């Protein structure tokens, strides 16, 4: 093992940091962490609750030592659970949890491929640790690697990827392209592994295996790279706002780069129309001069990184990723790294957000069952079985139990629409529906139900019901 690589702590040891909040009106509020009372007063005046939680959690007192409720919820709702036969921080996904995972994966691909126009690739999860390019890129993170030995060569050492750059950069090094095709956007969705310390693990918030939807933009210069950066920032801002996740925005910037490009950064702050936290660095920390994070806020006052974009001026030289300019010469790319955020962390924050709602509920487009139909008695069951509403995940509670218990269980499962079918409903060909979000009780035709649910899920992906339509035919996975 080559011990010349510095770990992250050694790299940042001599970097000086300044902190400030940049307001949408362009004013700056400096933060000195030696003056805690001044910071708290400033946060109260700024009046951005999520920014206040982020600063308190990340810079003043650390993350709260409280187990987030999403851990129990994901188990009780038979979504996701720990896998005892695996290493810590690895999970099993039950059918309902897998549905949510697949819908979020579909959503990420829609953004990357259909909206942004990126090409999709795939690459391995295991890499040779003796490869100098892999060592150069991953060296500062080597304490977080999963190490792998091969059976017939005890001297060889491999690592599992902790990020999506390894294989992508190998592909792009071999690729030939000119300035005319830039910016070149590439999308990859793959599993990554990071050996987080045991005391750091916390449900889906901090785990050791996760799925990252990554977008990389290869650009001819800083100007084009920053243009791509701003495009990605605005897309991810729209997504965070659209899904409704509570979040703060944090930038980390090389101070000289901030001074030179403050006008562009200000454009992003105005787009978000809210204060952003900025950490200015005296020297480069890794390969980027600029990065930001959308920091999701959970129900116990903790924060977790979601979407991020990084403007990289170093890795193209390390990997030899070049394009041919107008004069026919080879030049190194500027690389805009970005991730929509790991699917597991999105699930974590979606559940945390669901807990904070009154009543608790998942977004309609992610709800495993969007509509549950409950027959009043056995004689109404056949009518329920014949109901079909296109584009709606519909199930039927045909279990041998009282009507009141079935309604109560649907509530415990956070089913967003619960419909009762009895004699009156059969006669009118309508259903008596209770809408969870506002408690409204409605008489709705099948067309009304279809129109309402589908309109509320417009522009989000759809997949079919992940379990048997009849609840009596479903296995019990947990408990």
Protein backbone atom coordinates (compact mmCIF):
# COMPACT_ATOMS: atom_id res chain seq x y z
CA UNK A 1 0.00 0.00 0.00
CA UNK A 2 1.35 3.43 -0.96
CA UNK A 3 1.24 5.65 2.10
CA UNK A 4 1.99 8.89 0.24
CA UNK A 5 -1.71 9.68 -0.13
CA UNK A 6 -3.05 12.09 2.44
CA UNK A 7 -6.41 11.46 4.03
CA UNK A 8 -9.10 14.10 4.14
CA UNK A 9 -8.10 15.40 7.57
CA UNK A 10 -4.51 16.01 6.42
CA UNK A 11 -5.65 17.77 3.24
CA UNK A 12 -7.89 20.28 5.01
CA UNK A 13 -5.63 20.89 8.00
CA UNK A 14 -4.09 24.11 6.67
CA UNK A 15 -7.11 25.45 4.81
CA UNK A 16 -8.53 28.67 6.26
CA UNK A 17 -12.30 29.07 6.18
CA UNK A 18 -14.67 32.00 6.25
CA UNK A 19 -18.44 31.70 6.58
CA UNK A 20 -21.27 33.96 5.55
CA UNK A 21 -24.92 33.97 4.52
CA UNK A 22 -25.65 35.50 1.11
CA UNK A 23 -29.11 37.05 0.92
CA UNK A 24 -31.29 37.33 -2.22
CA UNK A 25 -30.82 41.12 -2.11
CA UNK A 26 -27.04 40.66 -2.42
CA UNK A 27 -26.13 41.53 1.15
CA UNK A 28 -23.69 39.35 3.10
CA UNK A 29 -23.96 38.39 6.76
CA UNK A 30 -20.60 37.14 8.09
CA UNK A 31 -20.55 34.30 10.63
CA UNK A 32 -17.81 33.95 13.23
CA UNK A 33 -18.19 30.63 15.04
CA UNK A 34 -16.35 31.98 18.05
CA UNK A 35 -19.34 34.27 18.59
CA UNK A 36 -22.23 31.85 19.00
CA UNK A 37 -24.68 34.41 20.42
CA UNK A 38 -24.14 36.70 17.42
CA UNK A 39 -24.82 33.79 15.05
CA UNK A 40 -28.03 32.84 16.82
CA UNK A 41 -29.28 36.44 16.67
CA UNK A 42 -28.43 36.62 12.98
CA UNK A 43 -30.26 33.35 12.26
CA UNK A 44 -33.38 34.67 14.00
CA UNK A 45 -33.26 37.83 11.86
CA UNK A 46 -32.69 35.85 8.64
CA UNK A 47 -35.84 33.85 9.46
CA UNK A 48 -35.15 30.80 7.30
CA UNK A 49 -36.04 27.80 9.53
CA UNK A 50 -34.20 25.21 7.44
CA UNK A 51 -31.05 27.33 7.21
CA UNK A 52 -31.14 27.75 10.99
CA UNK A 53 -31.41 23.98 11.49
CA UNK A 54 -28.54 23.39 9.04
CA UNK A 55 -26.18 25.82 10.78
CA UNK A 56 -27.09 24.54 14.24
CA UNK A 57 -26.75 20.91 13.20
CA UNK A 58 -23.61 21.11 11.07
CA UNK A 59 -21.61 23.92 12.64
CA UNK A 60 -22.73 24.69 16.19
CA UNK A 61 -23.68 21.53 18.04
CA UNK A 62 -23.54 18.60 15.62
CA UNK A 63 -26.34 16.30 14.52
CA UNK A 64 -28.92 15.42 17.19
CA UNK A 65 -28.43 12.06 18.88
CA UNK A 66 -32.04 11.03 18.30
CA UNK A 67 -33.13 8.08 16.22
CA UNK A 68 -35.15 9.38 13.28
CA UNK A 69 -38.71 7.99 13.17
CA UNK A 70 -38.25 6.87 9.55
CA UNK A 71 -36.38 3.78 10.76
CA UNK A 72 -39.43 2.35 12.52
CA UNK A 73 -41.82 3.63 9.85
CA UNK A 74 -39.98 1.92 6.99
CA UNK A 75 -40.20 -1.35 8.93
CA UNK A 76 -43.80 -1.02 10.16
CA UNK A 77 -45.02 -0.13 6.67
CA UNK A 78 -43.10 -3.08 5.20
CA UNK A 79 -41.01 -0.83 2.97
CA UNK A 80 -37.38 -1.46 3.89
CA UNK A 81 -35.49 -3.28 6.65
CA UNK A 82 -31.98 -4.12 7.77
CA UNK A 83 -30.47 -7.27 6.28
CA UNK A 84 -29.02 -9.26 9.22
CA UNK A 85 -27.10 -11.62 6.92
CA UNK A 86 -25.16 -8.71 5.38
CA UNK A 87 -22.75 -6.10 6.67
CA UNK A 88 -24.21 -3.27 8.75
CA UNK A 89 -25.64 -0.44 6.68
CA UNK A 90 -27.09 -2.71 3.96
CA UNK A 91 -30.83 -3.09 3.45
CA UNK A 92 -33.51 -5.33 2.01
CA UNK A 93 -36.38 -3.75 0.07
CA UNK A 94 -39.84 -5.30 0.34
CA UNK A 95 -42.25 -4.93 -2.62
CA UNK A 96 -43.72 -1.60 -1.47
CA UNK A 97 -40.29 -0.17 -0.71
CA UNK A 98 -38.97 -1.43 -4.03
CA UNK A 99 -41.83 0.33 -5.81
CA UNK A 100 -40.84 3.64 -4.20
CA UNK A 101 -37.21 2.97 -5.11
CA UNK A 102 -38.12 2.27 -8.75
CA UNK A 103 -40.38 5.32 -9.04
CA UNK A 104 -37.62 7.58 -7.73
CA UNK A 105 -35.15 5.91 -10.11
CA UNK A 106 -37.56 6.52 -13.01
CA UNK A 107 -37.87 10.12 -11.89
CA UNK A 108 -34.06 10.56 -11.84
CA UNK A 109 -33.74 9.11 -15.35
CA UNK A 110 -36.52 11.37 -16.63
CA UNK A 111 -34.57 14.38 -15.41
CA UNK A 112 -31.18 13.22 -16.67
CA UNK A 113 -32.05 11.67 -20.03
CA UNK A 114 -35.32 13.26 -21.16
CA UNK A 115 -35.01 16.76 -19.71
CA UNK A 116 -31.27 17.39 -19.65
CA UNK A 117 -30.44 15.18 -22.64
CA UNK A 118 -27.62 13.13 -21.11
CA UNK A 119 -26.33 9.88 -22.64
CA UNK A 120 -26.64 6.88 -20.30
CA UNK A 121 -23.75 4.50 -19.57
CA UNK A 122 -22.95 1.73 -17.08
CA UNK A 123 -19.61 0.72 -15.54
CA UNK A 124 -18.26 -1.78 -12.95
CA UNK A 125 -18.53 -1.43 -9.18
CA UNK A 126 -15.07 -2.96 -8.47
CA UNK A 127 -11.70 -1.36 -9.34
CA UNK A 128 -8.01 -2.17 -9.10
CA UNK A 129 -6.52 -0.16 -6.24
CA UNK A 130 -3.07 -0.28 -7.88
CA UNK A 131 -4.34 1.69 -10.89
CA UNK A 132 -2.63 5.10 -10.55
CA UNK A 133 -5.62 7.04 -11.86
CA UNK A 134 -7.97 5.34 -9.41
CA UNK A 135 -5.47 5.97 -6.60
CA UNK A 136 -5.11 9.62 -7.52
CA UNK A 137 -8.84 10.23 -7.59
CA UNK A 138 -9.80 8.12 -4.59
CA UNK A 139 -6.69 8.41 -2.44
CA UNK A 140 -8.01 11.06 -0.07
CA UNK A 141 -10.99 8.80 0.73
CA UNK A 142 -9.11 5.53 1.18
CA UNK A 143 -10.17 5.11 4.81
CA UNK A 144 -13.77 4.69 3.58
CA UNK A 145 -13.12 1.96 1.04
CA UNK A 146 -14.47 -1.56 0.95
CA UNK A 147 -11.42 -3.68 0.12
CA UNK A 148 -11.78 -6.82 -2.00
CA UNK A 149 -9.31 -9.70 -2.47
CA UNK A 150 -9.46 -12.08 -5.43
CA UNK A 151 -9.10 -15.84 -4.72
CA UNK A 152 -6.11 -16.58 -6.97
CA UNK A 153 -3.94 -13.52 -6.24
CA UNK A 154 -3.43 -12.57 -2.62
CA UNK A 155 -1.26 -9.61 -3.58
CA UNK A 156 -3.97 -7.90 -5.61
CA UNK A 157 -6.31 -5.44 -3.93
CA UNK A 158 -9.52 -4.06 -5.35
CA UNK A 159 -11.97 -1.54 -3.98
CA UNK A 160 -15.71 -1.13 -4.40
CA UNK A 161 -16.60 2.20 -5.96
CA UNK A 162 -17.69 4.88 -3.51
CA UNK A 163 -18.63 7.26 -6.33
CA UNK A 164 -19.58 7.03 -9.99
CA UNK A 165 -16.55 8.76 -11.48
CA UNK A 166 -14.16 5.80 -11.74
CA UNK A 167 -15.61 3.91 -14.69
CA UNK A 168 -17.02 7.01 -16.36
CA UNK A 169 -13.62 8.67 -16.50
CA UNK A 170 -12.04 5.54 -17.94
CA UNK A 171 -14.67 5.61 -20.70
CA UNK A 172 -14.22 9.31 -21.39
CA UNK A 173 -10.41 9.01 -21.54
CA UNK A 174 -10.78 6.68 -24.55
CA UNK A 175 -13.51 8.76 -26.19
CA UNK A 176 -12.68 11.10 -29.06
CA UNK A 177 -14.75 14.27 -29.36
CA UNK A 178 -14.39 17.84 -30.55
CA UNK A 179 -15.36 21.22 -29.16
CA UNK A 180 -18.44 21.15 -31.41
CA UNK A 181 -20.19 18.49 -29.26
CA UNK A 182 -19.51 20.24 -25.96
CA UNK A 183 -21.04 20.37 -23.45
CA UNK A 184 -21.24 16.57 -23.46
CA UNK A 185 -23.61 15.21 -20.79
CA UNK A 186 -23.38 11.65 -19.45
CA UNK A 187 -25.72 9.89 -17.01
CA UNK A 188 -25.01 6.80 -14.92
CA UNK A 189 -27.14 5.07 -12.30
CA UNK A 190 -25.20 2.57 -10.23
CA UNK A 191 -24.66 1.23 -6.76
CA UNK A 192 -21.82 2.68 -4.69
CA UNK A 193 -20.24 1.61 -1.42
CA UNK A 194 -18.75 3.68 1.37
CA UNK A 195 -17.54 2.13 4.60
CA UNK A 196 -19.06 4.55 7.08
CA UNK A 197 -17.99 4.03 10.67
CA UNK A 198 -20.35 1.93 12.75
CA UNK A 199 -21.31 4.79 15.06
CA UNK A 200 -22.21 6.95 12.06
CA UNK A 201 -24.76 4.55 10.58
CA UNK A 202 -28.37 5.68 10.86
CA UNK A 203 -31.09 3.99 8.81
CA UNK A 204 -31.28 5.30 5.25
CA UNK A 205 -29.66 8.56 6.30
CA UNK A 206 -26.17 7.12 6.65
CA UNK A 207 -25.54 3.68 5.18
CA UNK A 208 -22.82 1.73 3.40
CA UNK A 209 -24.45 0.87 0.08
CA UNK A 210 -26.51 3.31 -1.96
CA UNK A 211 -27.65 4.07 -5.50
CA UNK A 212 -26.46 7.30 -7.10
CA UNK A 213 -27.97 8.91 -10.21
CA UNK A 214 -24.97 10.93 -11.46
CA UNK A 215 -24.79 13.47 -14.28
CA UNK A 216 -21.43 14.68 -15.59
CA UNK A 217 -21.07 17.54 -18.05
CA UNK A 218 -17.80 17.78 -19.99
CA UNK A 219 -17.10 21.37 -21.03
CA UNK A 220 -14.50 23.30 -23.00
CA UNK A 221 -13.76 26.05 -20.45
CA UNK A 222 -14.77 27.59 -17.14
CA UNK A 223 -17.41 29.75 -18.79
CA UNK A 224 -19.20 26.78 -20.36
CA UNK A 225 -18.70 24.74 -17.19
CA UNK A 226 -20.30 27.43 -15.08
CA UNK A 227 -23.20 27.65 -17.53
CA UNK A 228 -23.79 23.90 -17.09
CA UNK A 229 -23.42 24.31 -13.33
CA UNK A 230 -26.13 26.95 -13.26
CA UNK A 231 -28.44 24.83 -15.45
CA UNK A 232 -28.08 21.87 -13.09
CA UNK A 233 -28.51 24.04 -10.00
CA UNK A 234 -31.80 25.44 -11.28
CA UNK A 235 -33.11 21.97 -12.22
CA UNK A 236 -32.27 20.58 -8.79
CA UNK A 237 -33.74 23.61 -7.09
CA UNK A 238 -37.00 23.07 -8.98
CA UNK A 239 -37.00 19.40 -7.97
CA UNK A 240 -36.43 20.06 -4.28
CA UNK A 241 -39.20 22.64 -4.28
CA UNK A 242 -41.51 20.45 -6.36
CA UNK A 243 -41.26 17.42 -4.10
CA UNK A 244 -41.73 19.65 -1.07
CA UNK A 245 -38.75 18.41 0.93
CA UNK A 246 -37.66 20.86 3.62
CA UNK A 247 -34.10 21.88 2.78
CA UNK A 248 -31.33 24.42 3.19
CA UNK A 249 -28.78 25.45 0.54
CA UNK A 250 -25.05 25.43 1.24
CA UNK A 251 -22.16 26.51 -1.02
CA UNK A 252 -18.48 25.71 -0.55
CA UNK A 253 -16.26 27.87 -2.76
CA UNK A 254 -12.61 28.72 -3.28
CA UNK A 255 -12.48 32.32 -2.04
CA UNK A 256 -10.70 33.68 -5.10
CA UNK A 257 -13.27 32.00 -7.36
CA UNK A 258 -16.13 33.52 -5.32
CA UNK A 259 -14.68 37.00 -5.69
CA UNK A 260 -14.31 36.56 -9.44
CA UNK A 261 -17.71 34.97 -10.10
CA UNK A 262 -19.91 36.48 -7.40
CA UNK A 263 -22.37 37.88 -9.98
CA UNK A 264 -23.13 34.37 -11.31
CA UNK A 265 -23.50 32.97 -7.80
CA UNK A 266 -25.84 35.82 -7.00
CA UNK A 267 -28.01 34.80 -9.96
CA UNK A 268 -28.44 31.35 -8.39
CA UNK A 269 -29.32 32.82 -5.00
CA UNK A 270 -31.96 35.03 -6.62
CA UNK A 271 -33.34 31.99 -8.47
CA UNK A 272 -33.80 30.14 -5.17
CA UNK A 273 -35.11 33.36 -3.60
CA UNK A 274 -33.85 32.42 -0.16
CA UNK A 275 -30.68 32.87 1.91
CA UNK A 276 -27.80 30.48 1.25
CA UNK A 277 -24.95 29.52 3.53
CA UNK A 278 -21.46 29.93 2.05
CA UNK A 279 -18.14 28.49 3.21
CA UNK A 280 -15.13 30.20 1.59
CA UNK A 281 -11.91 28.19 1.39
CA UNK A 282 -8.42 29.69 1.15
CA UNK A 283 -7.19 26.71 -0.91
CA UNK A 284 -8.75 23.89 -2.96
CA UNK A 285 -10.01 21.09 -0.76
CA UNK A 286 -10.29 18.41 -3.47
CA UNK A 287 -10.70 18.78 -7.23
CA UNK A 288 -13.42 21.44 -7.32
CA UNK A 289 -13.42 25.23 -7.02
CA UNK A 290 -17.16 25.46 -6.43
CA UNK A 291 -19.82 23.11 -5.10
CA UNK A 292 -23.21 23.35 -3.49
CA UNK A 293 -25.52 20.99 -1.67
CA UNK A 294 -29.23 20.90 -1.10
CA UNK A 295 -29.32 19.80 2.53
CA UNK A 296 -32.56 18.03 3.43
CA UNK A 297 -33.92 18.61 6.92
CA UNK A 298 -35.44 15.68 8.82
CA UNK A 299 -38.02 15.55 11.60
CA UNK A 300 -35.49 15.48 14.47
CA UNK A 301 -33.47 18.55 13.47
CA UNK A 302 -30.77 16.78 11.47
CA UNK A 303 -29.54 17.43 7.94
CA UNK A 304 -28.49 15.18 5.09
CA UNK A 305 -27.06 16.00 1.67
CA UNK A 306 -29.30 15.47 -1.35
CA UNK A 307 -28.51 17.01 -4.72
CA UNK A 308 -25.06 18.44 -5.32
CA UNK A 309 -23.07 20.00 -8.16
CA UNK A 310 -19.27 20.40 -8.27
CA UNK A 311 -17.18 22.40 -10.74
CA UNK A 312 -14.02 20.34 -11.29
CA UNK A 313 -10.84 21.86 -12.77
CA UNK A 314 -8.48 18.99 -11.88
CA UNK A 315 -9.69 15.49 -12.78
CA UNK A 316 -9.57 15.92 -16.56
CA UNK A 317 -5.81 16.41 -16.31
CA UNK A 318 -5.45 13.39 -13.99
CA UNK A 319 -7.43 11.13 -16.34
CA UNK A 320 -6.39 12.66 -19.65
CA UNK A 321 -9.95 13.56 -20.69
CA UNK A 322 -9.39 15.85 -23.66
CA UNK A 323 -11.31 17.35 -26.55
CA UNK A 324 -10.07 18.68 -29.87
CA UNK A 325 -10.38 22.45 -30.20
CA UNK A 326 -10.98 24.49 -33.37
CA UNK A 327 -7.26 24.53 -34.15
CA UNK A 328 -7.02 20.73 -33.93
CA UNK A 329 -5.18 20.73 -30.59
CA UNK A 330 -6.04 18.59 -27.57
CA UNK A 331 -7.30 20.43 -24.51
CA UNK A 332 -8.46 19.22 -21.11
CA UNK A 333 -12.13 19.45 -20.21
CA UNK A 334 -13.72 21.30 -17.36
CA UNK A 335 -16.00 18.77 -15.65
CA UNK A 336 -19.27 19.56 -13.94
CA UNK A 337 -20.02 16.69 -11.54
CA UNK A 338 -23.53 16.40 -10.20
CA UNK A 339 -25.86 13.99 -8.49
CA UNK A 340 -29.60 14.18 -8.04
CA UNK A 341 -28.92 12.56 -4.66
CA UNK A 342 -28.89 8.94 -3.58
CA UNK A 343 -32.24 7.20 -3.94
CA UNK A 344 -31.98 5.90 -0.38
CA UNK A 345 -31.56 9.40 1.04
CA UNK A 346 -34.52 10.66 -0.96
CA UNK A 347 -36.60 7.85 0.54
CA UNK A 348 -35.28 8.75 4.00
CA UNK A 349 -36.30 12.39 3.71
CA UNK A 350 -39.62 11.61 2.03
CA UNK A 351 -40.55 9.38 4.99
CA UNK A 352 -39.27 12.00 7.45
CA UNK A 353 -41.35 14.62 5.69
CA UNK A 354 -44.37 12.31 5.72
CA UNK A 355 -44.06 11.98 9.51
CA UNK A 356 -44.13 15.78 9.88
CA UNK A 357 -47.37 16.10 7.90
CA UNK A 358 -50.73 16.13 9.64
CA UNK A 359 -51.99 13.55 8.92
CA UNK A 360 -48.84 11.60 8.07
CA UNK A 361 -48.72 10.52 4.44
CA UNK A 362 -46.38 9.88 1.54
CA UNK A 363 -46.62 11.89 -1.69
CA UNK A 364 -49.52 10.52 -3.71
CA UNK A 365 -47.35 9.45 -6.66
CA UNK A 366 -45.15 7.38 -4.29
CA UNK A 367 -47.94 5.82 -2.23
CA UNK A 368 -47.83 2.01 -2.80
CA UNK A 369 -51.63 1.91 -2.68
CA UNK A 370 -53.27 5.10 -3.91
CA UNK A 371 -56.83 3.89 -3.51
CA UNK A 372 -58.18 1.19 -1.21
CA UNK A 373 -61.67 -0.15 -1.76
CA UNK A 374 -63.43 -1.75 1.19
CA UNK A 375 -66.58 -3.82 0.59
CA UNK A 376 -69.18 -3.39 3.34
CA UNK A 377 -69.88 -7.12 3.33
CA UNK A 378 -69.11 -10.32 1.44
CA UNK A 379 -71.93 -9.71 -1.02
CA UNK A 380 -70.26 -6.51 -2.22
CA UNK A 381 -66.87 -8.10 -2.86
CA UNK A 382 -67.53 -9.24 -6.42
CA UNK A 383 -68.55 -5.71 -7.38
CA UNK A 384 -65.27 -4.40 -5.96
CA UNK A 385 -63.24 -7.00 -7.83
CA UNK A 386 -64.68 -5.76 -11.12
CA UNK A 387 -63.59 -2.15 -10.52
CA UNK A 388 -60.71 -1.07 -12.71
CA UNK A 389 -59.38 2.51 -12.83
CA UNK A 390 -56.54 3.04 -15.34
CA UNK A 391 -53.31 4.52 -14.03
CA UNK A 392 -54.28 4.12 -10.36
CA UNK A 393 -52.73 1.69 -7.86
CA UNK A 394 -55.92 0.21 -6.45
CA UNK A 395 -56.27 -2.61 -3.91
CA UNK A 396 -59.19 -4.27 -2.12
CA UNK A 397 -59.45 -5.20 1.54
CA UNK A 398 -61.26 -8.53 1.33
CA UNK A 399 -60.02 -9.82 4.68
CA UNK A 400 -62.40 -11.30 7.24
CA UNK A 401 -62.75 -8.32 9.56
CA UNK A 402 -65.14 -5.52 10.50
CA UNK A 403 -65.57 -2.46 8.32
CA UNK A 404 -64.31 -0.14 11.06
CA UNK A 405 -61.11 -2.15 11.54
CA UNK A 406 -60.43 -2.17 7.81
CA UNK A 407 -60.85 1.61 7.65
CA UNK A 408 -58.57 2.03 10.68
CA UNK A 409 -55.88 -0.18 9.13
CA UNK A 410 -56.00 1.79 5.88
CA UNK A 411 -55.34 4.89 7.98
CA UNK A 412 -52.42 3.21 9.72
CA UNK A 413 -50.97 2.40 6.29
CA UNK A 414 -51.39 6.05 5.17
CA UNK A 415 -53.58 5.08 2.18
CA UNK A 416 -54.43 8.45 0.59
CA UNK A 417 -57.90 7.50 -0.73
CA UNK A 418 -60.15 5.00 1.05
CA UNK A 419 -63.45 4.05 -0.61
CA UNK A 420 -66.36 2.09 0.84
CA UNK A 421 -68.68 0.05 -1.39
CA UNK A 422 -72.09 -1.07 -0.07
CA UNK A 423 -75.68 -1.25 -1.32
CA UNK A 424 -75.94 2.50 -1.90
CA UNK A 425 -72.69 2.61 -3.85
CA UNK A 426 -73.67 -0.35 -6.02
CA UNK A 427 -76.97 1.37 -6.86
CA UNK A 428 -75.36 4.72 -7.75
CA UNK A 429 -72.22 3.24 -9.34
CA UNK A 430 -70.21 5.65 -7.19
CA UNK A 431 -67.96 5.16 -4.18
CA UNK A 432 -67.98 6.82 -0.76
CA UNK A 433 -64.42 8.15 -0.57
CA UNK A 434 -62.43 9.59 2.32
CA UNK A 435 -59.49 11.72 1.20
CA UNK A 436 -56.66 11.48 3.73
CA UNK A 437 -54.92 14.80 3.07
CA UNK A 438 -57.89 16.90 4.24
CA UNK A 439 -60.33 14.35 5.69
CA UNK A 440 -62.97 15.21 3.09
CA UNK A 441 -65.75 12.66 2.57
CA UNK A 442 -66.92 12.54 -1.03
CA UNK A 443 -69.25 10.67 -3.34
CA UNK A 444 -67.09 10.02 -6.40
CA UNK A 445 -67.57 8.24 -9.71
CA UNK A 446 -64.75 6.10 -11.04
CA UNK A 447 -64.03 8.84 -13.60
CA UNK A 448 -63.84 11.47 -10.83
CA UNK A 449 -61.35 9.35 -8.86
CA UNK A 450 -59.22 8.73 -11.94
CA UNK A 451 -59.21 12.39 -12.92
CA UNK A 452 -58.29 13.64 -9.43
CA UNK A 453 -55.52 11.16 -8.65
CA UNK A 454 -53.94 11.29 -12.10
CA UNK A 455 -54.00 15.10 -12.19
CA UNK A 456 -52.25 15.24 -8.79
CA UNK A 457 -49.58 12.82 -10.08
CA UNK A 458 -49.09 14.62 -13.39
CA UNK A 459 -45.47 14.72 -14.62
CA UNK A 460 -44.38 12.07 -12.11
CA UNK A 461 -43.64 8.47 -13.15
CA UNK A 462 -46.15 5.66 -12.62
CA UNK A 463 -45.75 1.95 -11.92
CA UNK A 464 -48.33 -0.72 -11.21
CA UNK A 465 -49.35 -2.06 -7.81
CA UNK A 466 -46.39 -4.02 -6.36
CA UNK A 467 -48.46 -6.65 -4.50
CA UNK A 468 -51.60 -8.75 -5.01
CA UNK A 469 -54.71 -6.65 -5.51
CA UNK A 470 -56.57 -8.56 -2.80
CA UNK A 471 -55.09 -7.97 0.65
CA UNK A 472 -55.95 -11.55 1.71
CA UNK A 473 -53.46 -12.83 -0.90
CA UNK A 474 -50.48 -10.83 0.38
CA UNK A 475 -47.66 -12.21 2.53
CA UNK A 476 -46.70 -10.48 5.78
CA UNK A 477 -43.03 -9.46 5.65
CA UNK A 478 -42.51 -7.74 8.98
CA UNK A 479 -43.80 -8.31 12.48
